[in-house]
N, C-alpha and C. Protein backbone atom coordinates (compact mmCIF):
# COMPACT_ATOMS: atom_id res chain seq x y z
N MET A 1 9.43 24.45 -10.48
CA MET A 1 9.95 22.98 -11.11
C MET A 1 11.23 22.68 -11.28
N VAL A 2 11.50 23.38 -12.17
CA VAL A 2 13.14 22.89 -12.89
C VAL A 2 14.52 23.10 -11.25
N ARG A 3 13.93 24.33 -10.83
CA ARG A 3 14.98 24.39 -9.54
C ARG A 3 14.54 22.50 -8.62
N LEU A 4 13.78 22.47 -8.47
CA LEU A 4 13.25 21.15 -8.19
C LEU A 4 14.20 20.02 -8.57
N VAL A 5 14.34 19.82 -10.04
CA VAL A 5 14.54 18.93 -10.55
C VAL A 5 16.21 18.55 -11.14
N ILE A 6 16.30 20.07 -11.64
CA ILE A 6 17.71 20.13 -11.93
C ILE A 6 18.45 20.38 -11.17
N GLY A 7 19.94 19.76 -11.46
CA GLY A 7 21.02 20.07 -10.48
C GLY A 7 20.75 19.88 -9.45
N GLN A 8 20.18 18.84 -8.68
CA GLN A 8 19.70 18.30 -7.21
C GLN A 8 20.47 17.03 -6.78
N ASN A 9 20.84 17.32 -5.65
CA ASN A 9 21.74 16.17 -4.67
C ASN A 9 20.95 15.52 -4.08
N PHE A 10 19.63 15.18 -3.79
CA PHE A 10 19.15 14.66 -2.61
C PHE A 10 18.78 13.31 -3.33
N MET A 11 18.26 13.28 -4.69
CA MET A 11 18.02 11.83 -5.25
C MET A 11 18.67 12.02 -6.44
N ASP A 12 18.77 10.45 -7.03
CA ASP A 12 18.91 10.37 -8.66
C ASP A 12 17.96 10.19 -9.35
N LEU A 13 18.13 11.35 -10.70
CA LEU A 13 17.51 11.58 -11.72
C LEU A 13 18.29 11.10 -12.94
N GLY A 14 17.59 10.52 -13.80
CA GLY A 14 17.86 9.97 -14.96
C GLY A 14 17.36 9.07 -16.28
N PRO A 15 18.01 8.78 -16.93
CA PRO A 15 17.25 8.28 -18.26
C PRO A 15 16.84 6.48 -17.74
N ASP A 16 17.48 6.32 -16.59
CA ASP A 16 17.24 4.86 -16.38
C ASP A 16 15.86 4.66 -14.70
N GLU A 17 15.83 6.04 -14.79
CA GLU A 17 14.61 6.17 -13.63
C GLU A 17 13.37 5.82 -14.09
N ARG A 18 12.07 4.99 -13.39
CA ARG A 18 10.76 4.87 -13.86
C ARG A 18 10.19 5.42 -12.55
N ILE A 19 9.78 6.47 -12.82
CA ILE A 19 9.06 7.15 -11.75
C ILE A 19 7.43 7.23 -11.32
N LEU A 20 6.94 6.60 -10.29
CA LEU A 20 5.14 6.37 -10.97
C LEU A 20 5.02 7.83 -10.47
N GLN A 21 3.84 7.91 -10.95
CA GLN A 21 3.24 9.62 -10.89
C GLN A 21 1.89 8.86 -10.03
N TYR A 22 2.35 8.84 -8.77
CA TYR A 22 0.57 8.28 -7.67
C TYR A 22 0.03 9.66 -7.01
N ALA A 23 0.79 10.85 -6.84
CA ALA A 23 0.23 12.13 -6.46
C ALA A 23 -0.90 12.89 -7.69
N PRO A 24 -2.21 12.88 -7.39
CA PRO A 24 -2.90 14.20 -8.11
C PRO A 24 -2.16 15.21 -8.43
N VAL A 25 -2.55 15.94 -9.60
CA VAL A 25 -1.93 16.82 -10.26
C VAL A 25 -2.10 18.19 -9.52
N ALA A 26 -3.25 17.95 -8.66
CA ALA A 26 -3.25 18.99 -7.82
C ALA A 26 -2.44 19.22 -6.72
N PHE A 27 -1.84 18.08 -6.21
CA PHE A 27 -1.11 18.07 -5.37
C PHE A 27 0.73 18.11 -5.84
N ASP A 28 1.38 19.38 -4.89
CA ASP A 28 2.26 19.38 -5.46
C ASP A 28 3.47 18.43 -5.60
N ALA A 29 3.36 17.20 -5.06
CA ALA A 29 4.11 16.05 -5.22
C ALA A 29 4.08 15.81 -6.68
N SER A 30 3.36 15.99 -7.81
CA SER A 30 3.18 15.42 -8.88
C SER A 30 4.18 16.24 -9.57
N THR A 31 4.84 17.25 -9.23
CA THR A 31 5.63 18.07 -10.07
C THR A 31 6.94 17.38 -10.09
N LEU A 32 7.08 16.42 -9.03
CA LEU A 32 8.53 16.13 -8.34
C LEU A 32 8.19 14.88 -9.57
N GLU A 33 7.47 13.68 -9.67
CA GLU A 33 7.18 12.88 -10.42
C GLU A 33 7.07 13.24 -11.70
N ILE A 34 6.22 13.93 -12.12
CA ILE A 34 6.38 14.33 -13.66
C ILE A 34 7.44 14.71 -14.15
N TRP A 35 8.04 15.60 -13.96
CA TRP A 35 9.31 16.89 -14.05
C TRP A 35 10.57 16.19 -14.07
N GLY A 36 10.16 15.20 -12.94
CA GLY A 36 11.66 14.19 -12.34
C GLY A 36 12.38 13.16 -13.25
N ALA A 37 10.68 12.53 -13.99
CA ALA A 37 10.96 12.03 -15.05
C ALA A 37 11.43 12.63 -16.14
N LEU A 38 10.70 13.59 -16.83
CA LEU A 38 10.03 13.93 -17.87
C LEU A 38 11.59 14.59 -18.69
N LEU A 39 11.94 15.75 -17.35
CA LEU A 39 13.55 16.53 -17.85
C LEU A 39 14.45 15.73 -17.83
N HIS A 40 14.38 14.11 -17.41
CA HIS A 40 15.80 13.74 -17.55
C HIS A 40 15.86 12.52 -18.34
N GLY A 41 14.99 12.34 -19.28
CA GLY A 41 14.63 11.22 -20.19
C GLY A 41 14.32 9.98 -20.05
N GLY A 42 13.91 10.21 -18.34
CA GLY A 42 13.17 8.98 -17.41
C GLY A 42 11.51 8.65 -18.08
N GLU A 43 11.29 7.71 -17.01
CA GLU A 43 9.93 6.87 -17.42
C GLU A 43 9.05 7.30 -16.59
N LEU A 44 7.77 8.11 -17.13
CA LEU A 44 6.70 8.64 -16.35
C LEU A 44 5.90 7.27 -16.27
N VAL A 45 5.45 6.54 -15.18
CA VAL A 45 4.08 5.76 -15.24
C VAL A 45 2.63 6.30 -14.45
N ILE A 46 1.66 6.55 -15.03
CA ILE A 46 0.74 6.80 -14.03
C ILE A 46 0.15 6.04 -13.50
N MET A 47 -0.47 5.73 -12.35
CA MET A 47 -0.85 5.05 -11.61
C MET A 47 -2.23 5.13 -12.06
N PRO A 48 -2.62 3.68 -12.38
CA PRO A 48 -4.10 3.40 -12.89
C PRO A 48 -5.25 3.78 -11.47
N ASN A 49 -6.38 4.13 -12.02
CA ASN A 49 -6.82 4.93 -10.95
C ASN A 49 -8.15 4.03 -10.85
N ASP A 50 -8.17 2.95 -11.39
CA ASP A 50 -9.17 2.34 -10.82
C ASP A 50 -9.58 1.28 -9.59
N ASP A 51 -8.58 1.49 -9.01
CA ASP A 51 -8.19 0.75 -7.74
C ASP A 51 -7.40 1.41 -6.76
N PRO A 52 -7.95 1.84 -5.47
CA PRO A 52 -6.72 3.08 -4.70
C PRO A 52 -6.05 1.93 -3.74
N SER A 53 -6.17 0.54 -3.55
CA SER A 53 -6.11 -0.11 -2.60
C SER A 53 -4.44 -0.16 -2.76
N LEU A 54 -3.77 -0.91 -0.90
CA LEU A 54 -2.29 -0.99 -1.31
C LEU A 54 -1.91 -2.22 -2.21
N ARG A 55 -2.85 -2.97 -2.24
CA ARG A 55 -2.23 -3.85 -2.90
C ARG A 55 -2.08 -3.61 -4.45
N ALA A 56 -3.27 -2.89 -4.97
CA ALA A 56 -2.77 -2.05 -6.14
C ALA A 56 -1.73 -1.37 -6.32
N LEU A 57 -1.37 -0.79 -5.56
CA LEU A 57 -0.22 0.13 -5.13
C LEU A 57 1.10 -0.96 -5.47
N GLY A 58 1.10 -1.73 -4.36
CA GLY A 58 2.29 -2.89 -4.55
C GLY A 58 2.33 -3.59 -5.99
N ARG A 59 1.20 -3.67 -6.61
CA ARG A 59 0.78 -4.65 -8.04
C ARG A 59 1.63 -3.75 -9.25
N ALA A 60 1.25 -2.26 -8.99
CA ALA A 60 2.17 -1.36 -10.04
C ALA A 60 3.27 -1.13 -10.06
N ILE A 61 3.87 -1.14 -8.75
CA ILE A 61 5.45 -1.36 -8.87
C ILE A 61 6.03 -2.65 -9.16
N GLU A 62 5.24 -3.68 -9.24
CA GLU A 62 5.78 -4.70 -9.67
C GLU A 62 5.54 -5.17 -11.16
N ASP A 63 4.49 -4.41 -11.33
CA ASP A 63 4.37 -4.58 -12.93
C ASP A 63 5.16 -3.42 -13.58
N TYR A 64 5.43 -2.49 -13.20
CA TYR A 64 5.93 -1.43 -14.30
C TYR A 64 7.60 -1.40 -13.67
N LYS A 65 8.06 -1.92 -12.80
CA LYS A 65 9.03 -2.36 -12.63
C LYS A 65 10.06 -0.87 -12.24
N ILE A 66 9.14 -0.30 -11.45
CA ILE A 66 9.04 1.43 -10.37
C ILE A 66 10.50 1.39 -9.65
N SER A 67 11.08 2.22 -10.25
CA SER A 67 12.40 2.16 -9.29
C SER A 67 12.72 3.31 -7.85
N THR A 68 11.22 4.27 -8.59
CA THR A 68 11.54 6.00 -7.63
C THR A 68 10.09 6.16 -7.40
N MET A 69 9.47 6.22 -6.01
CA MET A 69 8.07 7.11 -6.17
C MET A 69 8.17 7.74 -5.01
N TRP A 70 7.32 8.54 -4.55
CA TRP A 70 7.21 9.48 -3.49
C TRP A 70 6.07 9.13 -2.56
N LEU A 71 5.63 8.87 -1.51
CA LEU A 71 5.04 8.50 -0.68
C LEU A 71 4.37 9.62 0.60
N THR A 72 3.52 10.16 0.98
CA THR A 72 3.12 10.85 2.28
C THR A 72 3.59 9.98 3.15
N ALA A 73 3.52 10.73 4.33
CA ALA A 73 3.81 9.52 5.68
C ALA A 73 3.38 8.89 5.92
N GLY A 74 1.72 9.33 5.81
CA GLY A 74 0.51 7.90 6.19
C GLY A 74 0.24 7.13 5.43
N LEU A 75 0.68 6.90 3.90
CA LEU A 75 0.58 5.70 3.10
C LEU A 75 2.16 5.27 2.91
N PHE A 76 3.25 6.02 3.52
CA PHE A 76 4.44 5.11 3.93
C PHE A 76 4.41 4.27 5.14
N ASN A 77 3.75 4.84 6.01
CA ASN A 77 3.43 3.84 7.33
C ASN A 77 2.47 2.50 6.71
N ALA A 78 1.12 2.97 6.09
CA ALA A 78 0.32 1.64 5.68
C ALA A 78 1.15 0.74 4.68
N MET A 79 1.97 1.40 4.13
CA MET A 79 2.58 0.11 3.25
C MET A 79 3.59 -0.49 4.20
N VAL A 80 4.12 0.02 4.85
CA VAL A 80 5.76 -0.90 5.82
C VAL A 80 4.79 -1.48 6.29
N ASP A 81 3.68 -1.62 7.07
CA ASP A 81 2.68 -2.11 8.18
C ASP A 81 2.06 -3.43 7.08
N ASP A 82 1.61 -3.08 6.41
CA ASP A 82 1.21 -4.06 5.59
C ASP A 82 1.77 -4.65 4.02
N ARG A 83 2.61 -4.00 2.98
CA ARG A 83 3.09 -4.67 2.60
C ARG A 83 4.67 -4.14 2.17
N PRO A 84 5.38 -4.08 2.95
CA PRO A 84 6.87 -4.04 3.14
C PRO A 84 7.69 -4.34 1.56
N GLU A 85 7.03 -5.39 1.23
CA GLU A 85 8.22 -6.29 0.62
C GLU A 85 7.91 -5.85 -0.73
N ASP A 86 6.78 -4.85 -1.20
CA ASP A 86 6.86 -4.27 -2.16
C ASP A 86 7.38 -3.04 -2.61
N LEU A 87 7.62 -2.06 -1.29
CA LEU A 87 8.71 -1.01 -1.36
C LEU A 87 9.95 -1.66 -1.44
N GLY A 88 10.45 -2.75 -1.33
CA GLY A 88 11.71 -3.19 -1.56
C GLY A 88 12.04 -3.56 -2.78
N LYS A 89 11.23 -3.29 -3.83
CA LYS A 89 11.42 -3.45 -4.45
C LYS A 89 11.51 -2.54 -5.81
N LEU A 90 12.02 -0.86 -4.63
CA LEU A 90 12.17 0.08 -5.28
C LEU A 90 13.71 0.36 -5.19
N ARG A 91 14.52 1.40 -5.88
CA ARG A 91 15.82 1.87 -5.95
C ARG A 91 15.43 2.75 -4.59
N GLN A 92 14.63 3.77 -4.65
CA GLN A 92 14.84 5.29 -3.91
C GLN A 92 13.40 5.49 -3.64
N LEU A 93 12.41 5.90 -2.39
CA LEU A 93 11.79 6.15 -2.01
C LEU A 93 11.92 7.27 -1.22
N LEU A 94 11.17 8.38 -1.32
CA LEU A 94 10.60 9.53 -0.90
C LEU A 94 9.93 9.28 -0.06
N THR A 95 9.65 10.32 1.11
CA THR A 95 8.16 10.05 2.17
C THR A 95 8.43 11.41 2.57
N GLY A 96 7.16 12.14 3.23
CA GLY A 96 7.01 13.04 3.82
C GLY A 96 5.62 13.60 4.08
N GLY A 97 5.77 15.37 3.95
CA GLY A 97 4.34 15.78 4.08
C GLY A 97 3.19 15.42 5.72
N ASP A 98 4.85 14.78 6.59
CA ASP A 98 4.62 14.91 8.06
C ASP A 98 5.47 14.07 8.65
N VAL A 99 5.18 13.95 9.90
CA VAL A 99 6.33 13.23 10.44
C VAL A 99 6.62 11.80 10.62
N VAL A 100 7.77 11.65 9.57
CA VAL A 100 8.35 10.26 9.28
C VAL A 100 8.35 9.34 10.46
N SER A 101 7.80 8.12 10.35
CA SER A 101 8.00 7.46 11.56
C SER A 101 9.33 6.49 11.64
N PRO A 102 10.25 6.80 12.88
CA PRO A 102 11.46 6.16 12.61
C PRO A 102 11.64 4.83 12.90
N ALA A 103 10.72 4.20 13.90
CA ALA A 103 10.32 2.74 13.86
C ALA A 103 9.73 2.23 12.40
N ARG A 104 9.20 2.72 11.55
CA ARG A 104 8.99 2.15 10.20
C ARG A 104 9.87 2.32 9.36
N ALA A 105 10.78 3.37 9.51
CA ALA A 105 12.03 3.58 8.74
C ALA A 105 12.84 2.07 8.68
N ALA A 106 13.01 2.07 10.21
CA ALA A 106 14.03 1.36 10.64
C ALA A 106 13.55 -0.08 10.20
N LYS A 107 12.06 -0.34 10.41
CA LYS A 107 11.90 -1.65 9.67
C LYS A 107 12.11 -1.94 8.37
N LEU A 108 11.87 -1.21 7.29
CA LEU A 108 12.33 -1.17 6.08
C LEU A 108 13.27 -1.63 5.57
N LEU A 109 14.34 -0.50 6.32
CA LEU A 109 15.75 -0.10 5.90
C LEU A 109 16.54 -1.80 6.51
N ARG A 110 16.10 -2.07 7.63
CA ARG A 110 16.56 -3.54 7.97
C ARG A 110 16.23 -4.44 7.41
N ALA A 111 15.23 -4.47 6.47
CA ALA A 111 14.68 -5.54 5.46
C ALA A 111 15.28 -5.32 4.58
N PHE A 112 15.79 -4.06 4.13
CA PHE A 112 16.13 -3.86 2.49
C PHE A 112 17.29 -2.81 2.76
N PRO A 113 18.47 -2.98 3.38
CA PRO A 113 19.23 -2.59 2.98
C PRO A 113 19.74 -1.51 2.16
N ASP A 114 19.70 -1.63 0.97
CA ASP A 114 20.10 -0.88 -0.47
C ASP A 114 18.73 -0.07 -0.50
N LEU A 115 17.78 0.14 -0.36
CA LEU A 115 16.97 1.08 -0.54
C LEU A 115 17.52 2.34 0.11
N ARG A 116 17.67 3.44 -0.88
CA ARG A 116 17.61 4.44 -0.77
C ARG A 116 16.42 5.16 -0.26
N LEU A 117 16.02 5.65 1.36
CA LEU A 117 15.08 6.02 1.69
C LEU A 117 15.13 7.28 2.58
N ILE A 118 14.43 8.48 1.39
CA ILE A 118 14.80 9.85 2.23
C ILE A 118 13.36 10.43 2.62
N ASN A 119 13.88 11.31 3.59
CA ASN A 119 12.73 12.25 4.07
C ASN A 119 12.93 13.45 3.64
N GLY A 120 11.54 14.21 2.78
CA GLY A 120 11.34 15.20 1.99
C GLY A 120 10.51 15.85 2.76
N TYR A 121 11.17 17.19 3.26
CA TYR A 121 10.48 18.23 4.06
C TYR A 121 10.12 19.62 3.29
N GLY A 122 8.84 20.27 3.08
CA GLY A 122 9.12 21.68 2.57
C GLY A 122 7.45 22.02 2.70
N PRO A 123 7.13 23.38 2.97
CA PRO A 123 5.82 23.84 3.23
C PRO A 123 5.50 24.02 1.62
N THR A 124 4.26 23.85 1.68
CA THR A 124 3.37 24.33 0.29
C THR A 124 3.89 25.37 -0.79
N GLU A 125 4.06 26.68 0.25
CA GLU A 125 5.02 28.05 -0.44
C GLU A 125 6.06 27.53 -1.72
N ASN A 126 7.00 26.49 -0.87
CA ASN A 126 8.30 26.05 -1.36
C ASN A 126 8.58 25.08 -2.14
N THR A 127 8.33 25.01 -3.44
CA THR A 127 7.43 23.63 -4.47
C THR A 127 8.10 22.50 -4.16
N THR A 128 7.51 21.77 -3.63
CA THR A 128 7.64 20.41 -2.83
C THR A 128 8.45 19.64 -2.11
N PHE A 129 9.79 20.25 -2.08
CA PHE A 129 10.96 20.05 -0.98
C PHE A 129 11.63 21.24 -0.44
N THR A 130 12.01 21.29 0.48
CA THR A 130 12.71 22.87 1.21
C THR A 130 14.29 21.92 1.47
N CYS A 131 13.78 20.95 2.57
CA CYS A 131 15.03 20.33 3.05
C CYS A 131 14.77 18.71 2.62
N CYS A 132 16.19 17.99 2.48
CA CYS A 132 15.21 16.61 2.54
C CYS A 132 16.89 15.99 3.24
N ASN A 133 16.66 14.68 4.07
CA ASN A 133 17.80 13.53 4.54
C ASN A 133 17.35 12.16 4.24
N ARG A 134 18.24 11.81 3.66
CA ARG A 134 18.65 10.42 3.82
C ARG A 134 18.55 9.63 5.29
N ILE A 135 17.57 8.80 5.18
CA ILE A 135 17.39 8.09 6.58
C ILE A 135 18.61 7.11 6.83
N THR A 136 19.08 6.69 7.75
CA THR A 136 20.21 5.92 7.72
C THR A 136 19.43 4.87 9.14
N ILE A 137 19.79 3.92 9.48
CA ILE A 137 19.36 2.91 10.39
C ILE A 137 19.89 3.36 11.76
N LYS A 138 20.86 3.86 11.49
CA LYS A 138 21.71 4.35 12.79
C LYS A 138 20.69 5.79 13.46
N GLU A 139 20.34 6.44 12.19
CA GLU A 139 19.47 8.01 12.99
C GLU A 139 18.04 7.18 13.05
N THR A 140 17.59 6.01 12.91
CA THR A 140 16.45 5.63 13.45
C THR A 140 16.80 5.18 14.86
N GLU A 141 17.80 4.32 15.18
CA GLU A 141 17.90 4.17 16.64
C GLU A 141 18.36 4.90 17.54
N SER A 142 18.51 6.22 16.93
CA SER A 142 18.43 7.50 17.93
C SER A 142 17.52 7.87 19.45
N GLY A 143 16.29 7.28 18.88
CA GLY A 143 15.54 7.77 20.39
C GLY A 143 14.90 8.87 19.56
N GLY A 144 15.35 9.64 19.08
CA GLY A 144 14.28 11.42 18.18
C GLY A 144 13.34 11.27 17.32
N ALA A 145 13.27 12.28 16.83
CA ALA A 145 12.77 12.68 15.71
C ALA A 145 13.36 12.41 14.06
N LEU A 146 13.52 11.90 13.19
CA LEU A 146 14.08 12.13 12.15
C LEU A 146 14.32 13.47 11.41
N SER A 147 15.36 13.38 11.32
CA SER A 147 15.93 15.12 10.68
C SER A 147 15.06 15.00 9.30
N ILE A 148 15.11 16.48 9.15
CA ILE A 148 14.49 17.14 7.76
C ILE A 148 15.70 16.99 6.92
N GLY A 149 16.81 17.42 7.32
CA GLY A 149 17.83 17.17 6.64
C GLY A 149 18.59 18.77 6.46
N ARG A 150 18.95 18.92 4.91
CA ARG A 150 19.65 20.19 4.58
C ARG A 150 19.02 20.95 3.37
N PRO A 151 18.80 22.16 3.44
CA PRO A 151 18.24 22.87 2.32
C PRO A 151 18.92 22.02 1.15
N ILE A 152 18.15 21.77 0.08
CA ILE A 152 18.11 21.49 -1.29
C ILE A 152 18.60 22.27 -1.96
N SER A 153 19.36 22.10 -3.38
CA SER A 153 20.21 23.21 -4.23
C SER A 153 19.35 24.18 -4.49
N ASN A 154 19.98 25.26 -4.62
CA ASN A 154 18.84 26.59 -4.99
C ASN A 154 18.18 27.23 -3.94
N THR A 155 18.41 27.02 -3.07
CA THR A 155 16.98 26.50 -1.47
C THR A 155 17.65 27.46 -0.40
N SER A 156 17.16 28.26 0.16
CA SER A 156 17.86 29.06 1.31
C SER A 156 17.04 28.55 3.10
N VAL A 157 17.63 28.35 3.88
CA VAL A 157 16.45 27.78 5.20
C VAL A 157 17.45 28.98 6.39
N PHE A 158 16.50 29.29 7.05
CA PHE A 158 17.60 29.90 8.16
C PHE A 158 16.08 29.83 9.43
N ILE A 159 16.92 29.86 10.63
CA ILE A 159 16.23 30.08 11.73
C ILE A 159 16.20 31.14 12.44
N LEU A 160 15.30 31.90 12.36
CA LEU A 160 15.16 33.20 12.81
C LEU A 160 14.22 33.40 14.13
N ASP A 161 14.52 34.93 14.92
CA ASP A 161 14.03 34.94 15.50
C ASP A 161 12.36 36.16 15.27
N ASP A 162 11.34 36.38 16.43
CA ASP A 162 10.72 37.05 15.82
C ASP A 162 10.78 38.29 14.88
N GLN A 163 12.04 38.87 14.88
CA GLN A 163 12.16 40.09 14.12
C GLN A 163 13.36 39.97 13.16
N LEU A 164 12.86 38.69 12.57
CA LEU A 164 13.74 37.32 11.25
C LEU A 164 15.02 38.20 11.29
N ASN A 165 15.70 38.11 12.56
CA ASN A 165 17.42 37.88 12.80
C ASN A 165 17.18 36.50 13.01
N PRO A 166 18.68 36.11 12.45
CA PRO A 166 18.92 34.61 12.79
C PRO A 166 19.52 34.55 13.91
N VAL A 167 18.81 33.10 14.90
CA VAL A 167 19.31 33.17 16.26
C VAL A 167 20.63 32.14 16.30
N ALA A 168 21.18 32.26 17.72
CA ALA A 168 22.18 31.25 17.62
C ALA A 168 22.10 30.17 17.76
N PRO A 169 23.43 29.06 17.53
CA PRO A 169 23.13 28.08 17.48
C PRO A 169 22.45 27.13 18.92
N GLY A 170 22.02 26.28 18.51
CA GLY A 170 21.18 25.71 19.95
C GLY A 170 19.87 26.94 20.11
N GLU A 171 19.43 28.07 19.99
CA GLU A 171 18.43 28.77 20.58
C GLU A 171 17.27 28.16 19.49
N GLN A 172 15.88 28.56 20.34
CA GLN A 172 14.61 28.24 19.30
C GLN A 172 14.26 29.37 18.42
N GLY A 173 14.02 29.42 17.46
CA GLY A 173 13.56 30.45 16.39
C GLY A 173 12.27 29.69 15.77
N GLU A 174 12.29 30.74 14.14
CA GLU A 174 10.82 30.10 13.26
C GLU A 174 11.55 29.82 12.19
N LEU A 175 11.33 28.52 11.67
CA LEU A 175 12.22 27.70 10.20
C LEU A 175 11.34 28.89 9.34
N CYS A 176 12.64 29.46 8.42
CA CYS A 176 11.73 29.98 7.55
C CYS A 176 12.52 29.80 6.06
N THR A 177 12.29 29.92 5.10
CA THR A 177 12.66 29.63 3.52
C THR A 177 13.08 30.21 2.49
N GLY A 178 13.62 30.44 1.71
CA GLY A 178 13.60 31.01 0.64
C GLY A 178 14.52 30.75 -0.76
N GLY A 179 14.66 31.41 -1.74
CA GLY A 179 15.60 30.47 -2.99
C GLY A 179 14.39 30.61 -3.68
N ASP A 180 15.14 30.07 -5.04
CA ASP A 180 14.33 30.11 -6.63
C ASP A 180 13.05 29.05 -6.31
N GLY A 181 12.52 28.43 -5.57
CA GLY A 181 11.63 27.69 -5.41
C GLY A 181 10.47 28.19 -5.05
N LEU A 182 10.71 29.27 -4.36
CA LEU A 182 9.77 30.08 -3.78
C LEU A 182 8.47 30.77 -4.26
N ALA A 183 7.50 30.76 -3.85
CA ALA A 183 6.16 31.06 -4.69
C ALA A 183 6.27 32.88 -4.70
N ALA A 184 5.58 33.26 -5.52
CA ALA A 184 5.36 34.75 -5.80
C ALA A 184 4.45 35.58 -5.09
N GLY A 185 3.85 34.40 -4.27
CA GLY A 185 2.61 35.05 -3.01
C GLY A 185 1.31 33.98 -3.18
N TYR A 186 0.33 34.09 -2.60
CA TYR A 186 -0.63 33.77 -2.26
C TYR A 186 -1.84 34.27 -3.35
N TRP A 187 -2.51 33.38 -4.48
CA TRP A 187 -3.42 33.42 -5.56
C TRP A 187 -4.33 34.40 -4.78
N ASN A 188 -4.65 35.21 -5.45
CA ASN A 188 -6.05 36.41 -5.49
C ASN A 188 -5.80 36.45 -3.55
N GLN A 189 -4.72 36.72 -2.76
CA GLN A 189 -5.02 37.42 -1.14
C GLN A 189 -3.40 37.79 -0.95
N PRO A 190 -3.56 39.34 -1.82
CA PRO A 190 -2.36 40.17 -1.74
C PRO A 190 -2.03 40.56 0.01
N GLU A 191 -2.88 40.84 0.96
CA GLU A 191 -2.86 40.99 2.07
C GLU A 191 -1.93 39.62 2.81
N LEU A 192 -2.60 39.10 2.50
CA LEU A 192 -1.72 37.53 3.30
C LEU A 192 -0.35 37.26 2.51
N ALA A 193 -0.45 37.45 1.60
CA ALA A 193 0.81 36.74 1.03
C ALA A 193 1.84 38.40 0.92
N ALA A 194 1.54 39.68 1.56
CA ALA A 194 2.12 40.54 2.30
C ALA A 194 2.95 40.48 3.36
N GLU A 195 1.73 39.48 4.24
CA GLU A 195 2.48 39.08 5.51
C GLU A 195 3.23 38.52 5.44
N LYS A 196 2.93 37.00 4.82
CA LYS A 196 3.84 35.88 4.99
C LYS A 196 5.17 36.15 4.12
N PHE A 197 5.14 36.95 3.09
CA PHE A 197 6.47 36.83 1.83
C PHE A 197 6.94 37.73 2.09
N VAL A 198 8.26 37.98 3.06
CA VAL A 198 8.65 39.17 3.71
C VAL A 198 10.22 39.32 3.16
N MET A 199 11.12 40.77 3.02
CA MET A 199 12.19 40.47 2.77
C MET A 199 13.30 40.07 4.13
N ALA A 200 13.92 39.59 3.92
CA ALA A 200 14.89 39.62 5.04
C ALA A 200 15.87 40.65 5.19
N PRO A 201 15.81 40.95 6.11
CA PRO A 201 16.40 42.75 6.20
C PRO A 201 18.03 42.61 6.36
N TRP A 202 18.48 41.43 6.13
CA TRP A 202 19.79 41.01 6.03
C TRP A 202 20.45 40.16 4.97
N SER A 203 19.06 40.27 3.91
CA SER A 203 19.72 39.07 2.82
C SER A 203 18.57 39.62 1.38
N PRO A 204 19.21 39.25 0.59
CA PRO A 204 18.63 39.89 -0.37
C PRO A 204 17.18 38.94 -0.56
N ASP A 205 17.11 37.53 -0.11
CA ASP A 205 16.20 36.62 -0.59
C ASP A 205 14.66 37.08 0.28
N THR A 206 13.57 37.00 -0.32
CA THR A 206 12.65 36.87 0.34
C THR A 206 12.14 35.40 0.99
N LEU A 207 12.01 35.80 2.06
CA LEU A 207 11.03 34.29 2.99
C LEU A 207 9.87 34.10 3.23
N VAL A 208 9.59 32.71 3.40
CA VAL A 208 8.42 32.97 3.94
C VAL A 208 8.44 31.97 4.70
N PRO A 209 7.65 31.67 6.41
CA PRO A 209 7.83 30.85 7.31
C PRO A 209 7.74 29.17 7.07
N GLY A 210 8.07 28.39 7.60
CA GLY A 210 7.93 27.08 7.21
C GLY A 210 6.46 26.58 7.98
N ALA A 211 5.80 25.55 7.33
CA ALA A 211 5.03 25.28 8.19
C ALA A 211 4.48 23.94 8.47
N GLY A 212 3.72 23.57 9.39
CA GLY A 212 3.43 21.71 9.53
C GLY A 212 4.74 20.91 10.08
N PHE A 213 5.06 21.29 10.99
CA PHE A 213 7.05 20.80 11.21
C PHE A 213 6.85 20.79 12.42
N ALA A 214 6.55 19.91 13.32
CA ALA A 214 6.35 19.88 14.65
C ALA A 214 7.96 19.55 15.16
N ALA A 215 8.88 20.55 15.67
CA ALA A 215 10.26 20.51 16.28
C ALA A 215 10.37 21.00 17.42
N SER A 216 11.45 21.47 17.65
CA SER A 216 11.72 22.44 18.48
C SER A 216 11.79 24.12 18.44
N TRP A 217 11.47 24.33 17.40
CA TRP A 217 11.54 25.76 16.51
C TRP A 217 10.20 26.24 17.06
N HIS A 218 10.08 27.16 17.46
CA HIS A 218 8.80 27.66 18.13
C HIS A 218 8.14 28.05 16.62
N GLY A 219 6.78 28.59 16.66
CA GLY A 219 6.05 28.99 15.94
C GLY A 219 5.86 27.80 14.31
N CYS A 220 6.43 26.68 14.48
CA CYS A 220 6.72 26.29 12.85
C CYS A 220 5.08 24.85 13.46
């Protein structure tokens, strides 16, 4: 978690930030919300749980003057469709957990061009984020999927073949990640951990295959 929020460049963290903890603590996104605020002297606002509606989320952003928050791609879509004006009150918004809609990102950025909108990608094995990309209007108009960007600090990303060798530029492969944020393995599943968490033969990094990202990379 320290690797996630200390010395990073994918978002602004500091004493002036008010971050909404919207994710439950069992969801790894809460690590970004909680420690992104507390380890920088920012203010952590815990979302009241008596009303799960989009309207209540918008009201919390307004009432607590939230500057930064994280939303799953599905919730991001719903808020852009129904309550984009609430998201426009933020300074920076991170979204991910699934493929982010270019059309909805474009709609939001056209209405609020000063909003910093970040696509955050990361398999659960690598705490919260592996790669991040600041979305631009130009990118949303390109006609393709939004980029997952580049690895965040203290994180490594490789596109490898089935022998764990790096593929040439333009070739298909499997996205694998390593670095300080990588888990030690799967809890009480040593055989599965031994299968998935492997040492790269050409690097001291432990690697784990990326998961849950639909792209041109085979196996992801």
